[in-house]
């Protein structure tokens, strides 16, 4: 009986750890996707800005 409880505790602990790892991996992948999307947006805006003529920007000193 004692061995069964020990084995059950170990099994439940492993399942919980595996579930948490999957959640972490899912969150990491989602965050990585968001960062790459933001990076692409910024790169696009910088490319657009680089194509503008120097006198076109709204900040004239």
PDB file of N, CA and C in Angstrom:
ATOM      1  N   UNK A   1       0.825  -1.186   0.000  1.00  0.00           N
ATOM      2  CA  UNK A   1       0.000   0.000   0.000  1.00  0.00           C
ATOM      3  C   UNK A   1       0.877   1.261   0.000  1.00  0.00           C
ATOM      4  N   UNK A   2       1.910   1.231   0.809  1.00  0.00           N
ATOM      5  CA  UNK A   2       2.786   2.397   0.907  1.00  0.00           C
ATOM      6  C   UNK A   2       3.500   2.647  -0.418  1.00  0.00           C
ATOM      7  N   UNK A   3       3.903   1.573  -1.076  1.00  0.00           N
ATOM      8  CA  UNK A   3       4.568   1.688  -2.368  1.00  0.00           C
ATOM      9  C   UNK A   3       3.616   2.274  -3.408  1.00  0.00           C
ATOM     10  N   UNK A   4       2.348   1.853  -3.352  1.00  0.00           N
ATOM     11  CA  UNK A   4       1.338   2.363  -4.276  1.00  0.00           C
ATOM     12  C   UNK A   4       1.151   3.870  -4.095  1.00  0.00           C
ATOM     13  N   UNK A   5       1.081   4.336  -2.869  1.00  0.00           N
ATOM     14  CA  UNK A   5       0.907   5.768  -2.605  1.00  0.00           C
ATOM     15  C   UNK A   5       2.119   6.567  -3.077  1.00  0.00           C
ATOM     16  N   UNK A   6       3.287   6.010  -2.876  1.00  0.00           N
ATOM     17  CA  UNK A   6       4.510   6.672  -3.328  1.00  0.00           C
ATOM     18  C   UNK A   6       4.519   6.769  -4.853  1.00  0.00           C
ATOM     19  N   UNK A   7       4.150   5.680  -5.515  1.00  0.00           N
ATOM     20  CA  UNK A   7       4.101   5.657  -6.973  1.00  0.00           C
ATOM     21  C   UNK A   7       3.028   6.614  -7.492  1.00  0.00           C
ATOM     22  N   UNK A   8       1.887   6.651  -6.841  1.00  0.00           N
ATOM     23  CA  UNK A   8       0.807   7.558  -7.230  1.00  0.00           C
ATOM     24  C   UNK A   8       1.243   9.017  -7.083  1.00  0.00           C
ATOM     25  N   UNK A   9       1.907   9.339  -5.996  1.00  0.00           N
ATOM     26  CA  UNK A   9       2.394  10.697  -5.770  1.00  0.00           C
ATOM     27  C   UNK A   9       3.407  11.091  -6.832  1.00  0.00           C
ATOM     28  N   UNK A  10       4.300  10.193  -7.149  1.00  0.00           N
ATOM     29  CA  UNK A  10       5.305  10.447  -8.175  1.00  0.00           C
ATOM     30  C   UNK A  10       4.655  10.660  -9.546  1.00  0.00           C
ATOM     31  N   UNK A  11       3.665   9.831  -9.867  1.00  0.00           N
ATOM     32  CA  UNK A  11       2.973   9.941 -11.150  1.00  0.00           C
ATOM     33  C   UNK A  11       2.238  11.268 -11.259  1.00  0.00           C
ATOM     34  N   UNK A  12       1.522  11.642 -10.227  1.00  0.00           N
ATOM     35  CA  UNK A  12       0.780  12.910 -10.233  1.00  0.00           C
ATOM     36  C   UNK A  12       1.744  14.085 -10.344  1.00  0.00           C
ATOM     37  N   UNK A  13       2.845  14.044  -9.646  1.00  0.00           N
ATOM     38  CA  UNK A  13       3.842  15.113  -9.713  1.00  0.00           C
ATOM     39  C   UNK A  13       4.411  15.249 -11.123  1.00  0.00           C
ATOM     40  N   UNK A  14       4.704  14.127 -11.749  1.00  0.00           N
ATOM     41  CA  UNK A  14       5.243  14.152 -13.122  1.00  0.00           C
ATOM     42  C   UNK A  14       4.216  14.715 -14.100  1.00  0.00           C
ATOM     43  N   UNK A  15       2.975  14.333 -13.945  1.00  0.00           N
ATOM     44  CA  UNK A  15       1.930  14.844 -14.835  1.00  0.00           C
ATOM     45  C   UNK A  15       1.740  16.348 -14.665  1.00  0.00           C
ATOM     46  N   UNK A  16       1.779  16.802 -13.435  1.00  0.00           N
ATOM     47  CA  UNK A  16       1.652  18.243 -13.197  1.00  0.00           C
ATOM     48  C   UNK A  16       2.835  19.004 -13.774  1.00  0.00           C
ATOM     49  N   UNK A  17       4.015  18.481 -13.618  1.00  0.00           N
ATOM     50  CA  UNK A  17       5.205  19.137 -14.158  1.00  0.00           C
ATOM     51  C   UNK A  17       5.153  19.175 -15.684  1.00  0.00           C
ATOM     52  N   UNK A  18       4.702  18.111 -16.295  1.00  0.00           N
ATOM     53  CA  UNK A  18       4.595  18.072 -17.757  1.00  0.00           C
ATOM     54  C   UNK A  18       3.564  19.081 -18.240  1.00  0.00           C
ATOM     55  N   UNK A  19       2.467  19.204 -17.521  1.00  0.00           N
ATOM     56  CA  UNK A  19       1.436  20.184 -17.881  1.00  0.00           C
ATOM     57  C   UNK A  19       1.947  21.605 -17.771  1.00  0.00           C
ATOM     58  N   UNK A  20       2.690  21.903 -16.745  1.00  0.00           N
ATOM     59  CA  UNK A  20       3.247  23.250 -16.570  1.00  0.00           C
ATOM     60  C   UNK A  20       4.267  23.548 -17.654  1.00  0.00           C
ATOM     61  N   UNK A  21       5.067  22.563 -18.031  1.00  0.00           N
ATOM     62  CA  UNK A  21       6.069  22.764 -19.069  1.00  0.00           C
ATOM     63  C   UNK A  21       5.398  23.075 -20.395  1.00  0.00           C
ATOM     64  N   UNK A  22       4.312  22.393 -20.685  1.00  0.00           N
ATOM     65  CA  UNK A  22       3.606  22.649 -21.936  1.00  0.00           C
ATOM     66  C   UNK A  22       3.028  24.069 -21.930  1.00  0.00           C
ATOM     67  N   UNK A  23       2.475  24.507 -20.825  1.00  0.00           N
ATOM     68  CA  UNK A  23       1.946  25.866 -20.733  1.00  0.00           C
ATOM     69  C   UNK A  23       3.058  26.886 -20.946  1.00  0.00           C
ATOM     70  N   UNK A  24       4.213  26.641 -20.355  1.00  0.00           N
ATOM     71  CA  UNK A  24       5.339  27.556 -20.521  1.00  0.00           C
ATOM     72  C   UNK A  24       5.748  27.624 -21.983  1.00  0.00           C
ATOM     73  N   UNK A  25       5.853  26.454 -22.628  1.00  0.00           N
ATOM     74  CA  UNK A  25       6.252  26.410 -24.030  1.00  0.00           C
ATOM     75  C   UNK A  25       5.236  27.131 -24.911  1.00  0.00           C
ATOM     76  N   UNK A  26       3.965  26.968 -24.608  1.00  0.00           N
ATOM     77  CA  UNK A  26       2.915  27.642 -25.373  1.00  0.00           C
ATOM     78  C   UNK A  26       3.016  29.146 -25.192  1.00  0.00           C
ATOM     79  N   UNK A  27       3.196  29.593 -23.961  1.00  0.00           N
ATOM     80  CA  UNK A  27       3.334  31.026 -23.689  1.00  0.00           C
ATOM     81  C   UNK A  27       4.578  31.584 -24.365  1.00  0.00           C
ATOM     82  N   UNK A  28       5.670  30.854 -24.329  1.00  0.00           N
ATOM     83  CA  UNK A  28       6.913  31.298 -24.940  1.00  0.00           C
ATOM     84  C   UNK A  28       6.734  31.465 -26.445  1.00  0.00           C
ATOM     85  N   UNK A  29       6.092  30.480 -27.070  1.00  0.00           N
ATOM     86  CA  UNK A  29       5.872  30.539 -28.520  1.00  0.00           C
ATOM     87  C   UNK A  29       4.978  31.722 -28.881  1.00  0.00           C
ATOM     88  N   UNK A  30       3.954  31.968 -28.092  1.00  0.00           N
ATOM     89  CA  UNK A  30       3.053  33.101 -28.352  1.00  0.00           C
ATOM     90  C   UNK A  30       3.785  34.432 -28.196  1.00  0.00           C
ATOM     91  N   UNK A  31       4.590  34.542 -27.166  1.00  0.00           N
ATOM     92  CA  UNK A  31       5.365  35.768 -26.947  1.00  0.00           C
ATOM     93  C   UNK A  31       6.365  35.968 -28.074  1.00  0.00           C
ATOM     94  N   UNK A  32       7.013  34.898 -28.496  1.00  0.00           N
ATOM     95  CA  UNK A  32       7.971  34.992 -29.593  1.00  0.00           C
ATOM     96  C   UNK A  32       7.275  35.450 -30.879  1.00  0.00           C
ATOM     97  N   UNK A  33       6.066  34.943 -31.125  1.00  0.00           N
ATOM     98  CA  UNK A  33       5.309  35.344 -32.309  1.00  0.00           C
ATOM     99  C   UNK A  33       4.962  36.832 -32.253  1.00  0.00           C
ATOM    100  N   UNK A  34       4.551  37.308 -31.079  1.00  0.00           N
ATOM    101  CA  UNK A  34       4.212  38.724 -30.923  1.00  0.00           C
ATOM    102  C   UNK A  34       5.437  39.614 -31.119  1.00  0.00           C
ATOM    103  N   UNK A  35       6.568  39.194 -30.575  1.00  0.00           N
ATOM    104  CA  UNK A  35       7.796  39.981 -30.712  1.00  0.00           C
ATOM    105  C   UNK A  35       8.216  40.053 -32.174  1.00  0.00           C
ATOM    106  N   UNK A  36       8.133  38.939 -32.881  1.00  0.00           N
ATOM    107  CA  UNK A  36       8.506  38.938 -34.298  1.00  0.00           C
ATOM    108  C   UNK A  36       7.560  39.806 -35.119  1.00  0.00           C
ATOM    109  N   UNK A  37       6.270  39.813 -34.776  1.00  0.00           N
ATOM    110  CA  UNK A  37       5.308  40.658 -35.484  1.00  0.00           C
ATOM    111  C   UNK A  37       5.615  42.133 -35.229  1.00  0.00           C
ATOM    112  N   UNK A  38       5.918  42.472 -33.980  1.00  0.00           N
ATOM    113  CA  UNK A  38       6.266  43.858 -33.648  1.00  0.00           C
ATOM    114  C   UNK A  38       7.561  44.262 -34.342  1.00  0.00           C
ATOM    115  N   UNK A  39       8.509  43.357 -34.397  1.00  0.00           N
ATOM    116  CA  UNK A  39       9.788  43.621 -35.064  1.00  0.00           C
ATOM    117  C   UNK A  39       9.565  43.888 -36.558  1.00  0.00           C
ATOM    118  N   UNK A  40       8.714  43.090 -37.189  1.00  0.00           N
ATOM    119  CA  UNK A  40       8.424  43.282 -38.618  1.00  0.00           C
ATOM    120  C   UNK A  40       7.731  44.612 -38.850  1.00  0.00           C
ATOM    121  N   UNK A  41       6.840  44.993 -37.941  1.00  0.00           N
ATOM    122  CA  UNK A  41       6.134  46.273 -38.067  1.00  0.00           C
ATOM    123  C   UNK A  41       7.123  47.437 -37.952  1.00  0.00           C
ATOM    124  N   UNK A  42       8.002  47.364 -36.982  1.00  0.00           N
ATOM    125  CA  UNK A  42       9.001  48.421 -36.782  1.00  0.00           C
ATOM    126  C   UNK A  42       9.943  48.488 -37.980  1.00  0.00           C
ATOM    127  N   UNK A  43      10.363  47.322 -38.479  1.00  0.00           N
ATOM    128  CA  UNK A  43      11.236  47.301 -39.652  1.00  0.00           C
ATOM    129  C   UNK A  43      10.547  47.942 -40.849  1.00  0.00           C
ATOM    130  N   UNK A  44       9.263  47.662 -41.016  1.00  0.00           N
ATOM    131  CA  UNK A  44       8.509  48.258 -42.111  1.00  0.00           C
ATOM    132  C   UNK A  44       8.403  49.762 -41.980  1.00  0.00           C
ATOM    133  N   UNK A  45       8.142  50.222 -40.756  1.00  0.00           N
ATOM    134  CA  UNK A  45       8.044  51.662 -40.524  1.00  0.00           C
ATOM    135  C   UNK A  45       9.393  52.347 -40.756  1.00  0.00           C
ATOM    136  N   UNK A  46      10.460  51.704 -40.351  1.00  0.00           N
ATOM    137  CA  UNK A  46      11.796  52.278 -40.558  1.00  0.00           C
ATOM    138  C   UNK A  46      12.143  52.329 -42.048  1.00  0.00           C
ATOM    139  N   UNK A  47      11.743  51.300 -42.791  1.00  0.00           N
ATOM    140  CA  UNK A  47      12.006  51.288 -44.229  1.00  0.00           C
ATOM    141  C   UNK A  47      11.213  52.398 -44.920  1.00  0.00           C
ATOM    142  N   UNK A  48       9.966  52.592 -44.486  1.00  0.00           N
ATOM    143  CA  UNK A  48       9.131  53.660 -45.030  1.00  0.00           C
ATOM    144  C   UNK A  48       9.764  55.017 -44.751  1.00  0.00           C
ATOM    145  N   UNK A  49      10.213  55.186 -43.522  1.00  0.00           N
ATOM    146  CA  UNK A  49      10.834  56.449 -43.107  1.00  0.00           C
ATOM    147  C   UNK A  49      12.117  56.709 -43.897  1.00  0.00           C
ATOM    148  N   UNK A  50      12.869  55.668 -44.169  1.00  0.00           N
ATOM    149  CA  UNK A  50      14.119  55.822 -44.907  1.00  0.00           C
ATOM    150  C   UNK A  50      13.869  56.243 -46.354  1.00  0.00           C
ATOM    151  N   UNK A  51      12.717  55.862 -46.912  1.00  0.00           N
ATOM    152  CA  UNK A  51      12.392  56.215 -48.292  1.00  0.00           C
ATOM    153  C   UNK A  51      11.918  57.661 -48.434  1.00  0.00           C
ATOM    154  N   UNK A  52      11.459  58.239 -47.345  1.00  0.00           N
ATOM    155  CA  UNK A  52      10.975  59.620 -47.407  1.00  0.00           C
ATOM    156  C   UNK A  52      12.096  60.583 -47.747  1.00  0.00           C
ATOM    157  N   UNK A  53      11.722  61.642 -48.368  1.00  0.00           N
ATOM    158  CA  UNK A  53      12.695  62.704 -48.661  1.00  0.00           C
ATOM    159  C   UNK A  53      12.926  63.499 -47.371  1.00  0.00           C
ATOM    160  N   UNK A  54      14.106  64.078 -47.196  1.00  0.00           N
ATOM    161  CA  UNK A  54      14.413  64.790 -45.950  1.00  0.00           C
ATOM    162  C   UNK A  54      13.417  65.900 -45.606  1.00  0.00           C
ATOM    163  N   UNK A  55      12.840  66.585 -46.565  1.00  0.00           N
ATOM    164  CA  UNK A  55      11.923  67.681 -46.279  1.00  0.00           C
ATOM    165  C   UNK A  55      10.495  67.240 -46.007  1.00  0.00           C
ATOM    166  N   UNK A  56      10.173  65.964 -46.135  1.00  0.00           N
ATOM    167  CA  UNK A  56       8.803  65.494 -45.992  1.00  0.00           C
ATOM    168  C   UNK A  56       8.365  65.270 -44.552  1.00  0.00           C
ATOM    169  N   UNK A  57       9.281  65.098 -43.642  1.00  0.00           N
ATOM    170  CA  UNK A  57       8.852  64.805 -42.273  1.00  0.00           C
ATOM    171  C   UNK A  57       8.209  66.028 -41.630  1.00  0.00           C
ATOM    172  N   UNK A  58       7.350  65.786 -40.681  1.00  0.00           N
ATOM    173  CA  UNK A  58       6.590  66.871 -40.069  1.00  0.00           C
ATOM    174  C   UNK A  58       7.366  67.667 -39.037  1.00  0.00           C
ATOM    175  N   UNK A  59       8.568  67.277 -38.709  1.00  0.00           N
ATOM    176  CA  UNK A  59       9.350  67.957 -37.692  1.00  0.00           C
ATOM    177  C   UNK A  59      10.386  68.873 -38.348  1.00  0.00           C
ATOM    178  N   UNK A  60       9.950  70.057 -38.682  1.00  0.00           N
ATOM    179  CA  UNK A  60      10.911  70.988 -39.275  1.00  0.00           C
ATOM    180  C   UNK A  60      11.428  71.928 -38.196  1.00  0.00           C
ATOM    181  N   UNK A  61      12.711  72.018 -38.090  1.00  0.00           N
ATOM    182  CA  UNK A  61      13.327  72.844 -37.024  1.00  0.00           C
ATOM    183  C   UNK A  61      13.589  74.235 -37.495  1.00  0.00           C
TER     184      UNK A  61
END
